[in-house]
């Protein structure tokens, strides 16, 4: 009886604009991170944008979590809302960690594979940005949402291969030279790989929401 009554009540849709705002922050941070990997002065020029967008995303995440606790009827399961925004925030947090590592290790030049992985991050961010408006009407967009999730998964798989290739090339280049160069490069590869992985987590959460509604 209670379930039937709740279905008749209006649902709070403020979450969807917040998801979209967060996704825009993610996309902006991804673009800035990619620009950092152009090297040289671009590192200092674009690092502040990554930091600023991460702070914006944190504020949005807090608003969503407060909304989950204070809203009577949510558009979909409270746990799914929390898990989705947390996965999205983890993605931009990892991008921020990547930017911090680049600055910490005073990196000014980057391997081609690193830039390819940053390209993958931008692609994933763009797909997440596409997905967010579709969540407002899941029933009409199941096919598109499933395809977006599949694309993110494919990109993550390619990025893993790129990371392996980059690490091998880095090792070959540094094995008779500076061990510190390998350590620095390995650290950046690790952060880039984790950034792409976090987007796969976002796709998995989107998929979980879709499954709950079909």
Protein backbone atom coordinates (compact mmCIF):
# COMPACT_ATOMS: atom_id res chain seq x y z
CA UNK A 1 0.00 0.00 0.00
CA UNK A 2 2.81 2.41 0.91
CA UNK A 3 4.65 1.66 -2.36
CA UNK A 4 1.50 2.43 -4.34
CA UNK A 5 1.03 5.70 -2.45
CA UNK A 6 4.65 6.76 -2.95
CA UNK A 7 4.38 6.19 -6.69
CA UNK A 8 1.59 8.78 -6.82
CA UNK A 9 3.65 11.45 -5.07
CA UNK A 10 5.67 14.00 -7.06
CA UNK A 11 9.35 13.19 -7.21
CA UNK A 12 12.11 15.69 -6.57
CA UNK A 13 14.02 16.29 -9.80
CA UNK A 14 16.67 18.70 -8.51
CA UNK A 15 19.20 15.87 -8.69
CA UNK A 16 19.36 15.85 -12.49
CA UNK A 17 20.69 19.42 -12.87
CA UNK A 18 23.25 18.63 -10.16
CA UNK A 19 24.39 15.51 -12.01
CA UNK A 20 24.77 17.58 -15.18
CA UNK A 21 26.72 20.33 -13.40
CA UNK A 22 29.04 17.74 -11.93
CA UNK A 23 29.55 16.14 -15.33
CA UNK A 24 30.42 19.53 -16.81
CA UNK A 25 33.04 20.01 -14.09
CA UNK A 26 34.45 16.57 -14.90
CA UNK A 27 34.62 17.39 -18.61
CA UNK A 28 36.34 20.73 -17.98
CA UNK A 29 38.88 19.09 -15.67
CA UNK A 30 39.56 16.37 -18.22
CA UNK A 31 40.21 18.94 -20.95
CA UNK A 32 42.54 20.88 -18.66
CA UNK A 33 44.43 17.73 -17.67
CA UNK A 34 44.89 16.88 -21.33
CA UNK A 35 46.27 20.35 -21.98
CA UNK A 36 48.73 19.86 -19.12
CA UNK A 37 50.16 16.86 -20.96
CA UNK A 38 51.04 19.08 -23.90
CA UNK A 39 53.97 19.93 -21.65
CA UNK A 40 56.05 23.02 -21.07
CA UNK A 41 54.14 26.06 -19.84
CA UNK A 42 50.84 24.25 -20.37
CA UNK A 43 51.39 22.39 -17.08
CA UNK A 44 51.26 25.56 -15.00
CA UNK A 45 48.65 27.18 -17.24
CA UNK A 46 46.04 24.44 -16.89
CA UNK A 47 46.68 22.86 -13.49
CA UNK A 48 44.63 25.56 -11.69
CA UNK A 49 41.61 24.68 -13.83
CA UNK A 50 41.76 21.04 -12.72
CA UNK A 51 41.92 22.15 -9.08
CA UNK A 52 39.08 24.64 -9.46
CA UNK A 53 36.80 22.15 -11.19
CA UNK A 54 37.49 19.54 -8.53
CA UNK A 55 36.44 22.00 -5.83
CA UNK A 56 33.27 22.79 -7.78
CA UNK A 57 32.53 19.07 -8.11
CA UNK A 58 33.02 18.56 -4.36
CA UNK A 59 30.46 21.27 -3.61
CA UNK A 60 27.96 19.68 -6.00
CA UNK A 61 28.54 16.27 -4.44
CA UNK A 62 27.75 17.71 -1.00
CA UNK A 63 24.52 19.20 -2.36
CA UNK A 64 23.49 15.84 -3.80
CA UNK A 65 24.23 13.95 -0.58
CA UNK A 66 22.34 16.52 1.48
CA UNK A 67 19.47 16.22 -0.98
CA UNK A 68 19.41 12.44 -0.62
CA UNK A 69 19.00 12.81 3.14
CA UNK A 70 16.42 15.60 3.02
CA UNK A 71 14.20 14.66 0.06
CA UNK A 72 11.09 12.59 0.71
CA UNK A 73 10.70 11.05 -2.75
CA UNK A 74 13.81 10.75 -4.94
CA UNK A 75 13.70 10.10 -8.72
CA UNK A 76 15.41 6.77 -8.23
CA UNK A 77 16.85 4.71 -5.40
CA UNK A 78 18.73 6.77 -2.78
CA UNK A 79 21.58 4.30 -2.73
CA UNK A 80 21.94 4.54 -6.51
CA UNK A 81 22.02 8.34 -6.35
CA UNK A 82 24.71 8.25 -3.67
CA UNK A 83 26.76 5.62 -5.51
CA UNK A 84 26.56 7.48 -8.83
CA UNK A 85 27.63 10.88 -7.52
CA UNK A 86 30.36 9.26 -5.43
CA UNK A 87 31.72 7.43 -8.49
CA UNK A 88 31.66 10.67 -10.47
CA UNK A 89 33.45 12.52 -7.69
CA UNK A 90 36.05 9.77 -7.45
CA UNK A 91 36.79 10.28 -11.17
CA UNK A 92 37.52 13.99 -10.83
CA UNK A 93 39.40 13.41 -7.57
CA UNK A 94 41.70 11.03 -9.40
CA UNK A 95 42.26 13.57 -12.16
CA UNK A 96 43.22 16.10 -9.50
CA UNK A 97 45.68 13.59 -8.01
CA UNK A 98 47.16 13.14 -11.48
CA UNK A 99 47.63 16.88 -11.89
CA UNK A 100 49.21 17.13 -8.43
CA UNK A 101 51.63 14.31 -9.24
CA UNK A 102 52.66 16.04 -12.47
CA UNK A 103 53.45 19.21 -10.53
CA UNK A 104 55.12 17.36 -7.65
CA UNK A 105 57.49 15.51 -9.99
CA UNK A 106 58.10 18.67 -12.02
CA UNK A 107 57.07 16.93 -15.22
CA UNK A 108 57.36 19.10 -18.33
CA UNK A 109 57.50 16.48 -21.08
CA UNK A 110 55.25 13.49 -21.56
CA UNK A 111 55.28 10.22 -23.46
CA UNK A 112 52.91 9.81 -26.43
CA UNK A 113 51.13 7.01 -24.56
CA UNK A 114 50.48 9.35 -21.64
CA UNK A 115 48.77 11.79 -23.98
CA UNK A 116 46.72 8.95 -25.48
CA UNK A 117 45.55 8.00 -22.00
CA UNK A 118 44.62 11.62 -21.34
CA UNK A 119 42.66 11.55 -24.61
CA UNK A 120 40.82 8.51 -23.24
CA UNK A 121 39.95 10.46 -20.09
CA UNK A 122 38.51 13.28 -22.21
CA UNK A 123 36.47 10.77 -24.24
CA UNK A 124 35.06 9.16 -21.11
CA UNK A 125 34.23 12.52 -19.58
CA UNK A 126 32.38 13.51 -22.73
CA UNK A 127 30.36 10.30 -22.62
CA UNK A 128 29.42 10.81 -18.99
CA UNK A 129 28.33 14.35 -19.84
CA UNK A 130 26.12 12.91 -22.61
CA UNK A 131 24.62 10.36 -20.25
CA UNK A 132 23.50 12.67 -17.45
CA UNK A 133 20.53 14.39 -19.19
CA UNK A 134 19.28 10.98 -20.33
CA UNK A 135 18.83 9.83 -16.73
CA UNK A 136 15.87 12.19 -16.33
CA UNK A 137 13.86 9.82 -18.54
CA UNK A 138 15.58 6.46 -18.35
CA UNK A 139 12.76 4.51 -19.96
CA UNK A 140 13.09 6.41 -23.23
CA UNK A 141 16.90 6.28 -23.30
CA UNK A 142 17.81 2.76 -22.21
CA UNK A 143 19.51 1.98 -25.52
CA UNK A 144 21.58 5.17 -25.55
CA UNK A 145 22.63 4.76 -21.91
CA UNK A 146 23.65 1.15 -22.47
CA UNK A 147 25.69 2.15 -25.53
CA UNK A 148 27.42 4.94 -23.61
CA UNK A 149 28.37 2.52 -20.85
CA UNK A 150 29.68 0.05 -23.42
CA UNK A 151 31.79 2.74 -25.07
CA UNK A 152 33.33 3.74 -21.74
CA UNK A 153 34.20 0.11 -21.06
CA UNK A 154 35.85 -0.22 -24.48
CA UNK A 155 37.87 2.96 -23.93
CA UNK A 156 39.00 1.69 -20.54
CA UNK A 157 40.19 -1.55 -22.14
CA UNK A 158 42.17 0.31 -24.80
CA UNK A 159 43.66 2.61 -22.18
CA UNK A 160 44.91 -0.40 -20.21
CA UNK A 161 46.71 -1.64 -23.31
CA UNK A 162 48.15 1.82 -23.94
CA UNK A 163 49.39 1.96 -20.36
CA UNK A 164 51.15 -1.40 -20.71
CA UNK A 165 52.79 -0.29 -23.94
CA UNK A 166 53.86 3.01 -22.41
CA UNK A 167 55.37 1.38 -19.35
CA UNK A 168 57.32 -1.06 -21.48
CA UNK A 169 58.67 1.77 -23.63
CA UNK A 170 59.52 3.78 -20.51
CA UNK A 171 61.40 0.86 -18.99
CA UNK A 172 63.37 0.26 -22.17
CA UNK A 173 64.28 3.93 -22.33
CA UNK A 174 65.37 4.24 -18.70
CA UNK A 175 66.76 0.81 -17.74
CA UNK A 176 70.33 1.91 -18.46
CA UNK A 177 69.79 5.48 -17.34
CA UNK A 178 67.96 7.30 -14.56
CA UNK A 179 65.88 5.17 -12.21
CA UNK A 180 64.12 8.34 -11.07
CA UNK A 181 62.85 8.96 -14.59
CA UNK A 182 61.18 5.55 -14.49
CA UNK A 183 59.72 6.22 -11.04
CA UNK A 184 58.29 9.56 -12.14
CA UNK A 185 56.88 8.18 -15.38
CA UNK A 186 55.45 5.09 -13.68
CA UNK A 187 53.66 7.29 -11.16
CA UNK A 188 52.00 9.35 -13.88
CA UNK A 189 50.95 6.24 -15.78
CA UNK A 190 49.45 4.83 -12.58
CA UNK A 191 47.39 7.97 -11.95
CA UNK A 192 46.22 8.16 -15.56
CA UNK A 193 45.18 4.51 -15.53
CA UNK A 194 43.27 4.96 -12.28
CA UNK A 195 41.51 8.00 -13.76
CA UNK A 196 40.21 5.94 -16.67
CA UNK A 197 39.26 3.13 -14.28
CA UNK A 198 37.15 5.54 -12.24
CA UNK A 199 35.15 6.35 -15.37
CA UNK A 200 34.49 2.65 -15.82
CA UNK A 201 33.10 2.72 -12.27
CA UNK A 202 30.81 5.60 -13.28
CA UNK A 203 29.59 3.59 -16.26
CA UNK A 204 28.89 0.64 -13.99
CA UNK A 205 26.80 2.84 -11.71
CA UNK A 206 24.85 4.24 -14.65
CA UNK A 207 24.24 0.67 -15.78
CA UNK A 208 23.00 -0.24 -12.30
CA UNK A 209 20.48 2.61 -12.40
CA UNK A 210 19.27 1.52 -15.83
CA UNK A 211 18.85 -2.08 -14.71
CA UNK A 212 16.71 -0.92 -11.79
CA UNK A 213 14.33 0.81 -14.22
CA UNK A 214 13.85 -1.80 -16.96
